[in-house]
PDB file of N, CA and C in Angstrom:
ATOM      1  N   MET A   1     -26.026  15.380 -30.333  1.00  0.00           N
ATOM      2  CA  MET A   1     -26.042  13.991 -31.006  1.00  0.00           C
ATOM      3  C   MET A   1     -24.559  13.801 -31.570  1.00  0.00           C
ATOM      4  N   GLU A   2     -23.539  14.790 -31.571  1.00  0.00           N
ATOM      5  CA  GLU A   2     -22.137  14.693 -31.801  1.00  0.00           C
ATOM      6  C   GLU A   2     -21.535  13.836 -30.505  1.00  0.00           C
ATOM      7  N   GLU A   3     -21.988  14.373 -29.286  1.00  0.00           N
ATOM      8  CA  GLU A   3     -21.506  13.689 -28.049  1.00  0.00           C
ATOM      9  C   GLU A   3     -21.756  12.318 -28.012  1.00  0.00           C
ATOM     10  N   ASN A   4     -22.915  12.037 -28.599  1.00  0.00           N
ATOM     11  CA  ASN A   4     -23.240  10.403 -28.425  1.00  0.00           C
ATOM     12  C   ASN A   4     -22.414   9.635 -29.456  1.00  0.00           C
ATOM     13  N   LYS A   5     -22.019  10.116 -30.540  1.00  0.00           N
ATOM     14  CA  LYS A   5     -21.063   9.607 -31.375  1.00  0.00           C
ATOM     15  C   LYS A   5     -19.881   9.305 -30.912  1.00  0.00           C
ATOM     16  N   GLN A   6     -19.390  10.218 -30.012  1.00  0.00           N
ATOM     17  CA  GLN A   6     -18.083  10.355 -29.456  1.00  0.00           C
ATOM     18  C   GLN A   6     -18.149   9.120 -28.352  1.00  0.00           C
ATOM     19  N   ASP A   7     -19.130   9.107 -27.505  1.00  0.00           N
ATOM     20  CA  ASP A   7     -19.471   8.122 -26.564  1.00  0.00           C
ATOM     21  C   ASP A   7     -19.380   6.782 -26.967  1.00  0.00           C
ATOM     22  N   ASP A   8     -20.094   6.744 -28.137  1.00  0.00           N
ATOM     23  CA  ASP A   8     -20.007   5.300 -28.850  1.00  0.00           C
ATOM     24  C   ASP A   8     -18.629   4.917 -29.446  1.00  0.00           C
ATOM     25  N   LEU A   9     -18.132   5.831 -29.964  1.00  0.00           N
ATOM     26  CA  LEU A   9     -16.807   5.430 -30.318  1.00  0.00           C
ATOM     27  C   LEU A   9     -15.913   5.038 -29.071  1.00  0.00           C
ATOM     28  N   PHE A  10     -15.613   5.992 -28.183  1.00  0.00           N
ATOM     29  CA  PHE A  10     -15.105   5.752 -27.092  1.00  0.00           C
ATOM     30  C   PHE A  10     -15.352   4.246 -26.531  1.00  0.00           C
ATOM     31  N   ASP A  11     -16.647   4.027 -26.188  1.00  0.00           N
ATOM     32  CA  ASP A  11     -17.075   2.715 -25.846  1.00  0.00           C
ATOM     33  C   ASP A  11     -16.565   1.580 -26.666  1.00  0.00           C
ATOM     34  N   SER A  12     -16.546   1.672 -28.039  1.00  0.00           N
ATOM     35  CA  SER A  12     -16.044   0.760 -28.930  1.00  0.00           C
ATOM     36  C   SER A  12     -14.472   0.651 -28.730  1.00  0.00           C
ATOM     37  N   LEU A  13     -13.892   1.583 -28.700  1.00  0.00           N
ATOM     38  CA  LEU A  13     -12.313   1.385 -28.715  1.00  0.00           C
ATOM     39  C   LEU A  13     -12.101   0.928 -27.114  1.00  0.00           C
ATOM     40  N   LEU A  14     -12.703   1.199 -26.099  1.00  0.00           N
ATOM     41  CA  LEU A  14     -12.551   0.646 -24.728  1.00  0.00           C
ATOM     42  C   LEU A  14     -12.771  -0.832 -24.908  1.00  0.00           C
ATOM     43  N   LEU A  15     -13.798  -1.324 -25.308  1.00  0.00           N
ATOM     44  CA  LEU A  15     -14.209  -2.661 -25.527  1.00  0.00           C
ATOM     45  C   LEU A  15     -12.935  -3.269 -26.122  1.00  0.00           C
ATOM     46  N   GLU A  16     -12.404  -2.991 -27.374  1.00  0.00           N
ATOM     47  CA  GLU A  16     -11.382  -3.494 -28.093  1.00  0.00           C
ATOM     48  C   GLU A  16      -9.854  -3.397 -27.015  1.00  0.00           C
ATOM     49  N   LEU A  17      -9.760  -2.517 -26.176  1.00  0.00           N
ATOM     50  CA  LEU A  17      -8.612  -2.539 -25.489  1.00  0.00           C
ATOM     51  C   LEU A  17      -8.930  -3.682 -24.222  1.00  0.00           C
ATOM     52  N   ARG A  18      -9.969  -3.625 -24.018  1.00  0.00           N
ATOM     53  CA  ARG A  18     -10.304  -4.669 -22.555  1.00  0.00           C
ATOM     54  C   ARG A  18     -10.066  -6.278 -23.493  1.00  0.00           C
ATOM     55  N   ARG A  19     -10.684  -6.331 -24.520  1.00  0.00           N
ATOM     56  CA  ARG A  19     -10.469  -7.605 -25.106  1.00  0.00           C
ATOM     57  C   ARG A  19      -9.193  -8.245 -25.153  1.00  0.00           C
ATOM     58  N   GLY A  20      -8.182  -7.224 -25.466  1.00  0.00           N
ATOM     59  CA  GLY A  20      -6.793  -7.679 -25.263  1.00  0.00           C
ATOM     60  C   GLY A  20      -6.054  -8.035 -23.901  1.00  0.00           C
ATOM     61  N   THR A  21      -6.945  -7.822 -23.002  1.00  0.00           N
ATOM     62  CA  THR A  21      -6.342  -8.006 -21.434  1.00  0.00           C
ATOM     63  C   THR A  21      -7.264  -9.339 -20.938  1.00  0.00           C
ATOM     64  N   ILE A  22      -8.228  -9.776 -21.603  1.00  0.00           N
ATOM     65  CA  ILE A  22      -9.388 -10.786 -20.873  1.00  0.00           C
ATOM     66  C   ILE A  22      -8.675 -12.125 -20.722  1.00  0.00           C
ATOM     67  N   ILE A  23      -7.650 -12.556 -21.604  1.00  0.00           N
ATOM     68  CA  ILE A  23      -7.192 -13.973 -21.454  1.00  0.00           C
ATOM     69  C   ILE A  23      -6.302 -13.796 -20.374  1.00  0.00           C
ATOM     70  N   LEU A  24      -5.451 -12.776 -20.230  1.00  0.00           N
ATOM     71  CA  LEU A  24      -4.483 -12.723 -18.976  1.00  0.00           C
ATOM     72  C   LEU A  24      -5.166 -12.460 -17.957  1.00  0.00           C
ATOM     73  N   SER A  25      -6.300 -11.874 -17.769  1.00  0.00           N
ATOM     74  CA  SER A  25      -7.120 -11.547 -16.596  1.00  0.00           C
ATOM     75  C   SER A  25      -7.711 -13.134 -15.957  1.00  0.00           C
ATOM     76  N   VAL A  26      -8.279 -13.736 -16.980  1.00  0.00           N
ATOM     77  CA  VAL A  26      -8.689 -15.120 -16.698  1.00  0.00           C
ATOM     78  C   VAL A  26      -7.730 -15.998 -16.168  1.00  0.00           C
ATOM     79  N   LEU A  27      -6.733 -16.045 -16.896  1.00  0.00           N
ATOM     80  CA  LEU A  27      -5.483 -17.003 -16.591  1.00  0.00           C
ATOM     81  C   LEU A  27      -4.876 -16.763 -15.204  1.00  0.00           C
ATOM     82  N   SER A  28      -4.879 -15.334 -14.923  1.00  0.00           N
ATOM     83  CA  SER A  28      -4.435 -15.046 -13.541  1.00  0.00           C
ATOM     84  C   SER A  28      -5.140 -15.481 -12.342  1.00  0.00           C
ATOM     85  N   GLN A  29      -6.501 -15.886 -12.710  1.00  0.00           N
ATOM     86  CA  GLN A  29      -7.269 -16.039 -11.586  1.00  0.00           C
ATOM     87  C   GLN A  29      -7.580 -17.720 -11.295  1.00  0.00           C
ATOM     88  N   LEU A  30      -6.646 -18.422 -12.251  1.00  0.00           N
ATOM     89  CA  LEU A  30      -6.915 -20.046 -12.295  1.00  0.00           C
ATOM     90  C   LEU A  30      -5.826 -20.772 -11.724  1.00  0.00           C
ATOM     91  N   LYS A  31      -5.053 -20.332 -10.952  1.00  0.00           N
ATOM     92  CA  LYS A  31      -4.157 -20.630 -10.388  1.00  0.00           C
ATOM     93  C   LYS A  31      -4.812 -21.861  -9.190  1.00  0.00           C
ATOM     94  N   LEU A  32      -5.830 -21.370  -8.557  1.00  0.00           N
ATOM     95  CA  LEU A  32      -6.637 -22.333  -7.861  1.00  0.00           C
ATOM     96  C   LEU A  32      -7.777 -22.371  -8.867  1.00  0.00           C
ATOM     97  N   PRO A  33      -8.518 -23.886  -8.578  1.00  0.00           N
ATOM     98  CA  PRO A  33      -9.694 -24.042  -9.156  1.00  0.00           C
ATOM     99  C   PRO A  33     -10.944 -23.059  -9.031  1.00  0.00           C
ATOM    100  N   GLN A  34     -11.559 -22.711 -10.077  1.00  0.00           N
ATOM    101  CA  GLN A  34     -12.873 -21.835  -9.972  1.00  0.00           C
ATOM    102  C   GLN A  34     -13.755 -22.444 -11.176  1.00  0.00           C
ATOM    103  N   TYR A  35     -15.102 -22.231 -10.609  1.00  0.00           N
ATOM    104  CA  TYR A  35     -16.046 -22.554 -11.956  1.00  0.00           C
ATOM    105  C   TYR A  35     -16.430 -21.331 -12.328  1.00  0.00           C
ATOM    106  N   GLY A  36     -16.981 -21.392 -13.437  1.00  0.00           N
ATOM    107  CA  GLY A  36     -17.563 -20.189 -14.061  1.00  0.00           C
ATOM    108  C   GLY A  36     -18.212 -19.150 -13.299  1.00  0.00           C
ATOM    109  N   TYR A  37     -18.903 -19.356 -12.890  1.00  0.00           N
ATOM    110  CA  TYR A  37     -19.836 -18.204 -12.117  1.00  0.00           C
ATOM    111  C   TYR A  37     -18.976 -17.644 -10.961  1.00  0.00           C
ATOM    112  N   SER A  38     -18.387 -18.314 -10.313  1.00  0.00           N
ATOM    113  CA  SER A  38     -17.271 -17.817  -9.148  1.00  0.00           C
ATOM    114  C   SER A  38     -16.009 -17.085 -10.026  1.00  0.00           C
ATOM    115  N   LEU A  39     -15.886 -17.341 -11.091  1.00  0.00           N
ATOM    116  CA  LEU A  39     -14.806 -16.616 -11.773  1.00  0.00           C
ATOM    117  C   LEU A  39     -15.338 -15.155 -12.320  1.00  0.00           C
ATOM    118  N   VAL A  40     -16.706 -15.250 -12.802  1.00  0.00           N
ATOM    119  CA  VAL A  40     -17.350 -13.906 -13.273  1.00  0.00           C
ATOM    120  C   VAL A  40     -17.250 -13.105 -11.630  1.00  0.00           C
ATOM    121  N   VAL A  41     -17.747 -13.876 -10.647  1.00  0.00           N
ATOM    122  CA  VAL A  41     -17.701 -12.623  -9.615  1.00  0.00           C
ATOM    123  C   VAL A  41     -16.474 -12.512  -9.135  1.00  0.00           C
ATOM    124  N   LEU A  42     -15.536 -12.975  -9.119  1.00  0.00           N
ATOM    125  CA  LEU A  42     -14.091 -12.601  -8.790  1.00  0.00           C
ATOM    126  C   LEU A  42     -13.579 -11.719  -9.581  1.00  0.00           C
ATOM    127  N   LEU A  43     -13.515 -11.743 -10.945  1.00  0.00           N
ATOM    128  CA  LEU A  43     -13.083 -10.837 -11.858  1.00  0.00           C
ATOM    129  C   LEU A  43     -13.847  -9.507 -11.676  1.00  0.00           C
ATOM    130  N   GLU A  44     -15.296  -9.595 -11.343  1.00  0.00           N
ATOM    131  CA  GLU A  44     -15.884  -8.372 -11.135  1.00  0.00           C
ATOM    132  C   GLU A  44     -15.627  -7.588  -9.754  1.00  0.00           C
ATOM    133  N   GLU A  45     -15.177  -8.362  -8.860  1.00  0.00           N
ATOM    134  CA  GLU A  45     -14.701  -7.976  -7.353  1.00  0.00           C
ATOM    135  C   GLU A  45     -13.356  -7.323  -7.664  1.00  0.00           C
ATOM    136  N   LYS A  46     -12.389  -7.601  -8.668  1.00  0.00           N
ATOM    137  CA  LYS A  46     -11.305  -7.209  -8.888  1.00  0.00           C
ATOM    138  C   LYS A  46     -11.234  -6.234  -9.935  1.00  0.00           C
ATOM    139  N   GLY A  47     -12.467  -5.657 -10.356  1.00  0.00           N
ATOM    140  CA  GLY A  47     -12.472  -4.488 -11.170  1.00  0.00           C
ATOM    141  C   GLY A  47     -12.583  -5.065 -12.904  1.00  0.00           C
ATOM    142  N   ILE A  48     -12.703  -6.202 -13.032  1.00  0.00           N
ATOM    143  CA  ILE A  48     -12.708  -6.691 -14.644  1.00  0.00           C
ATOM    144  C   ILE A  48     -13.949  -7.283 -14.657  1.00  0.00           C
ATOM    145  N   PRO A  49     -15.096  -6.495 -15.226  1.00  0.00           N
ATOM    146  CA  PRO A  49     -16.277  -7.511 -15.302  1.00  0.00           C
ATOM    147  C   PRO A  49     -16.129  -7.894 -16.809  1.00  0.00           C
ATOM    148  N   VAL A  50     -16.634  -9.138 -16.808  1.00  0.00           N
ATOM    149  CA  VAL A  50     -16.803 -10.332 -17.671  1.00  0.00           C
ATOM    150  C   VAL A  50     -18.209 -10.615 -17.917  1.00  0.00           C
ATOM    151  N   GLU A  51     -18.819 -10.946 -18.956  1.00  0.00           N
ATOM    152  CA  GLU A  51     -20.013 -11.376 -18.887  1.00  0.00           C
ATOM    153  C   GLU A  51     -20.073 -12.865 -19.248  1.00  0.00           C
ATOM    154  N   ALA A  52     -20.848 -13.524 -18.727  1.00  0.00           N
ATOM    155  CA  ALA A  52     -20.876 -15.075 -18.831  1.00  0.00           C
ATOM    156  C   ALA A  52     -20.760 -15.618 -20.461  1.00  0.00           C
ATOM    157  N   GLY A  53     -21.603 -14.905 -21.169  1.00  0.00           N
ATOM    158  CA  GLY A  53     -21.572 -15.197 -22.349  1.00  0.00           C
ATOM    159  C   GLY A  53     -20.092 -15.174 -23.233  1.00  0.00           C
ATOM    160  N   THR A  54     -19.308 -14.114 -22.503  1.00  0.00           N
ATOM    161  CA  THR A  54     -17.660 -14.064 -23.017  1.00  0.00           C
ATOM    162  C   THR A  54     -17.067 -15.098 -22.523  1.00  0.00           C
ATOM    163  N   LEU A  55     -17.059 -15.323 -21.186  1.00  0.00           N
ATOM    164  CA  LEU A  55     -16.420 -16.305 -20.337  1.00  0.00           C
ATOM    165  C   LEU A  55     -16.515 -17.606 -20.668  1.00  0.00           C
ATOM    166  N   TYR A  56     -17.515 -18.085 -20.677  1.00  0.00           N
ATOM    167  CA  TYR A  56     -17.841 -19.505 -21.009  1.00  0.00           C
ATOM    168  C   TYR A  56     -17.192 -20.169 -22.245  1.00  0.00           C
ATOM    169  N   PRO A  57     -17.457 -19.502 -23.436  1.00  0.00           N
ATOM    170  CA  PRO A  57     -16.541 -19.860 -24.527  1.00  0.00           C
ATOM    171  C   PRO A  57     -15.178 -19.673 -24.334  1.00  0.00           C
ATOM    172  N   LEU A  58     -14.731 -18.760 -23.842  1.00  0.00           N
ATOM    173  CA  LEU A  58     -13.439 -18.385 -23.513  1.00  0.00           C
ATOM    174  C   LEU A  58     -12.554 -19.553 -23.058  1.00  0.00           C
ATOM    175  N   LEU A  59     -13.332 -19.963 -21.848  1.00  0.00           N
ATOM    176  CA  LEU A  59     -12.934 -21.260 -20.991  1.00  0.00           C
ATOM    177  C   LEU A  59     -12.828 -22.225 -21.817  1.00  0.00           C
ATOM    178  N   ARG A  60     -13.689 -22.665 -22.601  1.00  0.00           N
ATOM    179  CA  ARG A  60     -13.846 -23.978 -23.235  1.00  0.00           C
ATOM    180  C   ARG A  60     -12.598 -23.741 -24.256  1.00  0.00           C
ATOM    181  N   ARG A  61     -12.354 -22.776 -24.825  1.00  0.00           N
ATOM    182  CA  ARG A  61     -11.087 -22.543 -25.953  1.00  0.00           C
ATOM    183  C   ARG A  61      -9.972 -22.662 -25.173  1.00  0.00           C
ATOM    184  N   LEU A  62      -9.563 -22.078 -24.330  1.00  0.00           N
ATOM    185  CA  LEU A  62      -8.597 -22.275 -23.412  1.00  0.00           C
ATOM    186  C   LEU A  62      -8.412 -23.798 -22.989  1.00  0.00           C
ATOM    187  N   GLU A  63      -9.357 -24.377 -22.592  1.00  0.00           N
ATOM    188  CA  GLU A  63      -9.207 -25.579 -22.210  1.00  0.00           C
ATOM    189  C   GLU A  63      -8.825 -26.646 -23.505  1.00  0.00           C
ATOM    190  N   LYS A  64      -9.350 -26.197 -24.669  1.00  0.00           N
ATOM    191  CA  LYS A  64      -9.071 -27.111 -26.001  1.00  0.00           C
ATOM    192  C   LYS A  64      -7.462 -27.011 -26.352  1.00  0.00           C
ATOM    193  N   GLN A  65      -7.099 -25.511 -25.957  1.00  0.00           N
ATOM    194  CA  GLN A  65      -5.851 -25.521 -26.055  1.00  0.00           C
ATOM    195  C   GLN A  65      -4.500 -25.802 -25.331  1.00  0.00           C
ATOM    196  N   ASN A  66      -5.293 -26.555 -24.061  1.00  0.00           N
ATOM    197  CA  ASN A  66      -4.339 -27.213 -23.302  1.00  0.00           C
ATOM    198  C   ASN A  66      -4.054 -26.379 -22.215  1.00  0.00           C
ATOM    199  N   LEU A  67      -4.506 -25.287 -21.994  1.00  0.00           N
ATOM    200  CA  LEU A  67      -3.898 -24.141 -20.983  1.00  0.00           C
ATOM    201  C   LEU A  67      -4.702 -24.498 -19.764  1.00  0.00           C
ATOM    202  N   LEU A  68      -5.790 -24.891 -19.732  1.00  0.00           N
ATOM    203  CA  LEU A  68      -6.668 -25.465 -18.544  1.00  0.00           C
ATOM    204  C   LEU A  68      -7.026 -26.728 -18.520  1.00  0.00           C
ATOM    205  N   GLU A  69      -7.022 -27.174 -17.099  1.00  0.00           N
ATOM    206  CA  GLU A  69      -7.882 -28.470 -16.981  1.00  0.00           C
ATOM    207  C   GLU A  69      -9.146 -28.224 -16.188  1.00  0.00           C
ATOM    208  N   SER A  70     -10.023 -29.411 -16.570  1.00  0.00           N
ATOM    209  CA  SER A  70     -11.288 -29.157 -15.738  1.00  0.00           C
ATOM    210  C   SER A  70     -11.788 -30.374 -15.001  1.00  0.00           C
ATOM    211  N   ASN A  71     -12.565 -30.033 -14.145  1.00  0.00           N
ATOM    212  CA  ASN A  71     -13.089 -31.352 -13.307  1.00  0.00           C
ATOM    213  C   ASN A  71     -14.374 -31.010 -12.836  1.00  0.00           C
ATOM    214  N   TRP A  72     -15.249 -32.080 -13.033  1.00  0.00           N
ATOM    215  CA  TRP A  72     -16.552 -31.961 -12.455  1.00  0.00           C
ATOM    216  C   TRP A  72     -16.654 -32.283 -10.970  1.00  0.00           C
ATOM    217  N   ASP A  73     -17.318 -31.216 -10.323  1.00  0.00           N
ATOM    218  CA  ASP A  73     -17.597 -31.535  -8.924  1.00  0.00           C
ATOM    219  C   ASP A  73     -19.157 -31.955  -8.717  1.00  0.00           C
ATOM    220  N   VAL A  74     -19.321 -33.389  -8.524  1.00  0.00           N
ATOM    221  CA  VAL A  74     -20.727 -33.696  -8.582  1.00  0.00           C
ATOM    222  C   VAL A  74     -21.244 -33.771  -7.292  1.00  0.00           C
ATOM    223  N   ASP A  75     -20.608 -33.410  -6.244  1.00  0.00           N
ATOM    224  CA  ASP A  75     -21.112 -33.886  -4.795  1.00  0.00           C
ATOM    225  C   ASP A  75     -21.929 -32.642  -4.451  1.00  0.00           C
ATOM    226  N   ALA A  76     -21.727 -31.394  -4.831  1.00  0.00           N
ATOM    227  CA  ALA A  76     -22.620 -30.490  -4.302  1.00  0.00           C
ATOM    228  C   ALA A  76     -24.191 -30.548  -5.062  1.00  0.00           C
ATOM    229  N   ALA A  77     -25.059 -29.754  -4.658  1.00  0.00           N
ATOM    230  CA  ALA A  77     -26.420 -29.997  -5.183  1.00  0.00           C
ATOM    231  C   ALA A  77     -26.562 -29.768  -6.453  1.00  0.00           C
ATOM    232  N   LYS A  78     -25.681 -28.844  -7.216  1.00  0.00           N
ATOM    233  CA  LYS A  78     -25.593 -28.554  -8.399  1.00  0.00           C
ATOM    234  C   LYS A  78     -24.202 -28.742  -8.994  1.00  0.00           C
ATOM    235  N   PRO A  79     -23.982 -29.754  -9.910  1.00  0.00           N
ATOM    236  CA  PRO A  79     -22.988 -30.044 -10.416  1.00  0.00           C
ATOM    237  C   PRO A  79     -22.240 -28.920 -11.056  1.00  0.00           C
ATOM    238  N   ARG A  80     -20.949 -28.761 -10.932  1.00  0.00           N
ATOM    239  CA  ARG A  80     -20.106 -27.480 -11.440  1.00  0.00           C
ATOM    240  C   ARG A  80     -18.830 -27.986 -11.957  1.00  0.00           C
ATOM    241  N   LYS A  81     -18.323 -27.373 -13.276  1.00  0.00           N
ATOM    242  CA  LYS A  81     -17.152 -27.828 -13.685  1.00  0.00           C
ATOM    243  C   LYS A  81     -16.137 -26.561 -13.251  1.00  0.00           C
ATOM    244  N   TYR A  82     -15.025 -27.042 -12.668  1.00  0.00           N
ATOM    245  CA  TYR A  82     -14.122 -26.179 -12.225  1.00  0.00           C
ATOM    246  C   TYR A  82     -12.949 -26.342 -13.061  1.00  0.00           C
ATOM    247  N   TYR A  83     -12.294 -25.273 -13.293  1.00  0.00           N
ATOM    248  CA  TYR A  83     -11.222 -24.921 -14.288  1.00  0.00           C
ATOM    249  C   TYR A  83      -9.947 -24.531 -13.398  1.00  0.00           C
ATOM    250  N   GLN A  84      -8.805 -25.069 -13.799  1.00  0.00           N
ATOM    251  CA  GLN A  84      -7.360 -24.570 -13.173  1.00  0.00           C
ATOM    252  C   GLN A  84      -6.477 -24.589 -14.277  1.00  0.00           C
ATOM    253  N   LEU A  85      -5.276 -23.730 -14.190  1.00  0.00           N
ATOM    254  CA  LEU A  85      -4.393 -23.834 -14.979  1.00  0.00           C
ATOM    255  C   LEU A  85      -3.719 -25.327 -15.023  1.00  0.00           C
ATOM    256  N   SER A  86      -3.573 -25.635 -16.325  1.00  0.00           N
ATOM    257  CA  SER A  86      -2.483 -26.847 -16.699  1.00  0.00           C
ATOM    258  C   SER A  86      -1.074 -26.651 -16.423  1.00  0.00           C
ATOM    259  N   ASP A  87      -0.111 -27.586 -16.384  1.00  0.00           N
ATOM    260  CA  ASP A  87       1.271 -27.120 -16.323  1.00  0.00           C
ATOM    261  C   ASP A  87       1.663 -26.425 -17.376  1.00  0.00           C
ATOM    262  N   TYR A  88       1.072 -26.633 -18.748  1.00  0.00           N
ATOM    263  CA  TYR A  88       1.487 -26.005 -19.698  1.00  0.00           C
ATOM    264  C   TYR A  88       0.737 -24.679 -19.757  1.00  0.00           C
ATOM    265  N   GLY A  89      -0.336 -24.357 -19.139  1.00  0.00           N
ATOM    266  CA  GLY A  89      -0.895 -23.395 -18.988  1.00  0.00           C
ATOM    267  C   GLY A  89      -0.304 -22.087 -18.147  1.00  0.00           C
ATOM    268  N   ARG A  90       0.368 -22.852 -16.917  1.00  0.00           N
ATOM    269  CA  ARG A  90       1.203 -21.923 -16.116  1.00  0.00           C
ATOM    270  C   ARG A  90       2.525 -21.521 -16.814  1.00  0.00           C
ATOM    271  N   GLN A  91       2.997 -22.193 -17.715  1.00  0.00           N
ATOM    272  CA  GLN A  91       4.247 -21.911 -18.559  1.00  0.00           C
ATOM    273  C   GLN A  91       3.765 -20.744 -19.594  1.00  0.00           C
ATOM    274  N   ILE A  92       2.748 -21.003 -19.955  1.00  0.00           N
ATOM    275  CA  ILE A  92       2.314 -19.720 -20.835  1.00  0.00           C
ATOM    276  C   ILE A  92       1.978 -18.665 -20.472  1.00  0.00           C
ATOM    277  N   TYR A  93       1.206 -18.787 -19.229  1.00  0.00           N
ATOM    278  CA  TYR A  93       0.901 -17.664 -18.290  1.00  0.00           C
ATOM    279  C   TYR A  93       2.094 -16.853 -17.890  1.00  0.00           C
ATOM    280  N   ASP A  94       3.168 -17.463 -17.550  1.00  0.00           N
ATOM    281  CA  ASP A  94       4.421 -16.810 -17.087  1.00  0.00           C
ATOM    282  C   ASP A  94       4.761 -15.975 -18.160  1.00  0.00           C
ATOM    283  N   LYS A  95       4.897 -16.590 -19.378  1.00  0.00           N
ATOM    284  CA  LYS A  95       5.482 -15.731 -20.544  1.00  0.00           C
ATOM    285  C   LYS A  95       4.651 -14.899 -20.984  1.00  0.00           C
ATOM    286  N   LEU A  96       3.294 -14.891 -20.715  1.00  0.00           N
ATOM    287  CA  LEU A  96       2.560 -13.857 -21.399  1.00  0.00           C
ATOM    288  C   LEU A  96       2.599 -12.594 -20.210  1.00  0.00           C
ATOM    289  N   CYS A  97       2.796 -13.107 -19.031  1.00  0.00           N
ATOM    290  CA  CYS A  97       3.082 -12.066 -17.978  1.00  0.00           C
ATOM    291  C   CYS A  97       4.325 -11.142 -18.157  1.00  0.00           C
ATOM    292  N   GLY A  98       5.464 -11.914 -18.373  1.00  0.00           N
ATOM    293  CA  GLY A  98       6.604 -11.148 -18.803  1.00  0.00           C
ATOM    294  C   GLY A  98       6.317 -10.443 -20.152  1.00  0.00           C
ATOM    295  N   GLN A  99       5.781 -10.652 -21.085  1.00  0.00           N
ATOM    296  CA  GLN A  99       5.495  -9.923 -22.380  1.00  0.00           C
ATOM    297  C   GLN A  99       4.565  -8.818 -21.893  1.00  0.00           C
ATOM    298  N   TRP A 100       3.820  -8.956 -20.793  1.00  0.00           N
ATOM    299  CA  TRP A 100       2.720  -8.116 -20.618  1.00  0.00           C
ATOM    300  C   TRP A 100       3.666  -6.749 -19.821  1.00  0.00           C
ATOM    301  N   PHE A 101       4.444  -7.016 -19.096  1.00  0.00           N
ATOM    302  CA  PHE A 101       5.283  -6.199 -18.250  1.00  0.00           C
ATOM    303  C   PHE A 101       6.090  -5.332 -19.189  1.00  0.00           C
ATOM    304  N   GLU A 102       6.557  -6.009 -20.158  1.00  0.00           N
ATOM    305  CA  GLU A 102       7.433  -5.362 -21.154  1.00  0.00           C
ATOM    306  C   GLU A 102       6.500  -4.269 -21.953  1.00  0.00           C
ATOM    307  N   MET A 103       5.464  -4.955 -22.385  1.00  0.00           N
ATOM    308  CA  MET A 103       4.543  -3.765 -22.934  1.00  0.00           C
ATOM    309  C   MET A 103       3.991  -2.582 -22.323  1.00  0.00           C
ATOM    310  N   VAL A 104       3.869  -3.006 -20.965  1.00  0.00           N
ATOM    311  CA  VAL A 104       3.355  -1.623 -20.167  1.00  0.00           C
ATOM    312  C   VAL A 104       4.495  -0.757 -20.023  1.00  0.00           C
ATOM    313  N   LYS A 105       5.849  -1.368 -19.959  1.00  0.00           N
ATOM    314  CA  LYS A 105       6.782  -0.362 -19.883  1.00  0.00           C
ATOM    315  C   LYS A 105       7.083   0.515 -21.080  1.00  0.00           C
ATOM    316  N   LYS A 106       6.957  -0.040 -22.346  1.00  0.00           N
ATOM    317  CA  LYS A 106       7.052   0.560 -23.619  1.00  0.00           C
ATOM    318  C   LYS A 106       5.687   1.495 -23.700  1.00  0.00           C
ATOM    319  N   MET A 107       4.651   1.036 -23.326  1.00  0.00           N
ATOM    320  CA  MET A 107       3.302   1.891 -23.444  1.00  0.00           C
ATOM    321  C   MET A 107       3.831   3.173 -22.420  1.00  0.00           C
ATOM    322  N   ASP A 108       4.059   2.992 -21.386  1.00  0.00           N
ATOM    323  CA  ASP A 108       4.652   3.919 -20.279  1.00  0.00           C
ATOM    324  C   ASP A 108       5.493   4.967 -21.250  1.00  0.00           C
ATOM    325  N   ASN A 109       6.473   4.534 -21.628  1.00  0.00           N
ATOM    326  CA  ASN A 109       7.276   5.547 -22.453  1.00  0.00           C
ATOM    327  C   ASN A 109       6.720   6.142 -23.481  1.00  0.00           C
ATOM    328  N   LEU A 110       5.585   5.595 -24.328  1.00  0.00           N
ATOM    329  CA  LEU A 110       4.879   6.197 -25.387  1.00  0.00           C
ATOM    330  C   LEU A 110       4.057   7.456 -24.798  1.00  0.00           C
ATOM    331  N   LEU A 111       3.227   7.053 -23.882  1.00  0.00           N
ATOM    332  CA  LEU A 111       2.394   7.684 -23.170  1.00  0.00           C
ATOM    333  C   LEU A 111       2.931   8.799 -22.284  1.00  0.00           C
ATOM    334  N   MET A 112       4.175   8.853 -21.859  1.00  0.00           N
ATOM    335  CA  MET A 112       4.504   9.947 -20.866  1.00  0.00           C
ATOM    336  C   MET A 112       5.280  10.957 -21.479  1.00  0.00           C
ATOM    337  N   ASP A 113       5.404  10.480 -23.006  1.00  0.00           N
ATOM    338  CA  ASP A 113       6.375  11.593 -23.899  1.00  0.00           C
ATOM    339  C   ASP A 113       5.791  12.831 -23.794  1.00  0.00           C
TER     340      ASP A 113
END
């Protein structure tokens, strides 16, 4: 029973840790246009599983924040909405990457002590 509580706690903490990286993960894959499901698959292939129920609201929010642009492709059998970084989104992404690498250095210092 105690081990299950530890597993639950670990899973909860891991989820919180991953939540902090999902935006940067998604932005990193939108230099070229992607539609929602292709992004789910791409992230999964790169070891970052994201559920569609998490991704789609995030994409809409990032678009409202002007970080993403979207276009509908209606030429295919099934219309798809493609997302890509806007110019503003690229600027923010670059700044976030700089901050990420700084945090990684600082965390390395903390964890290697």
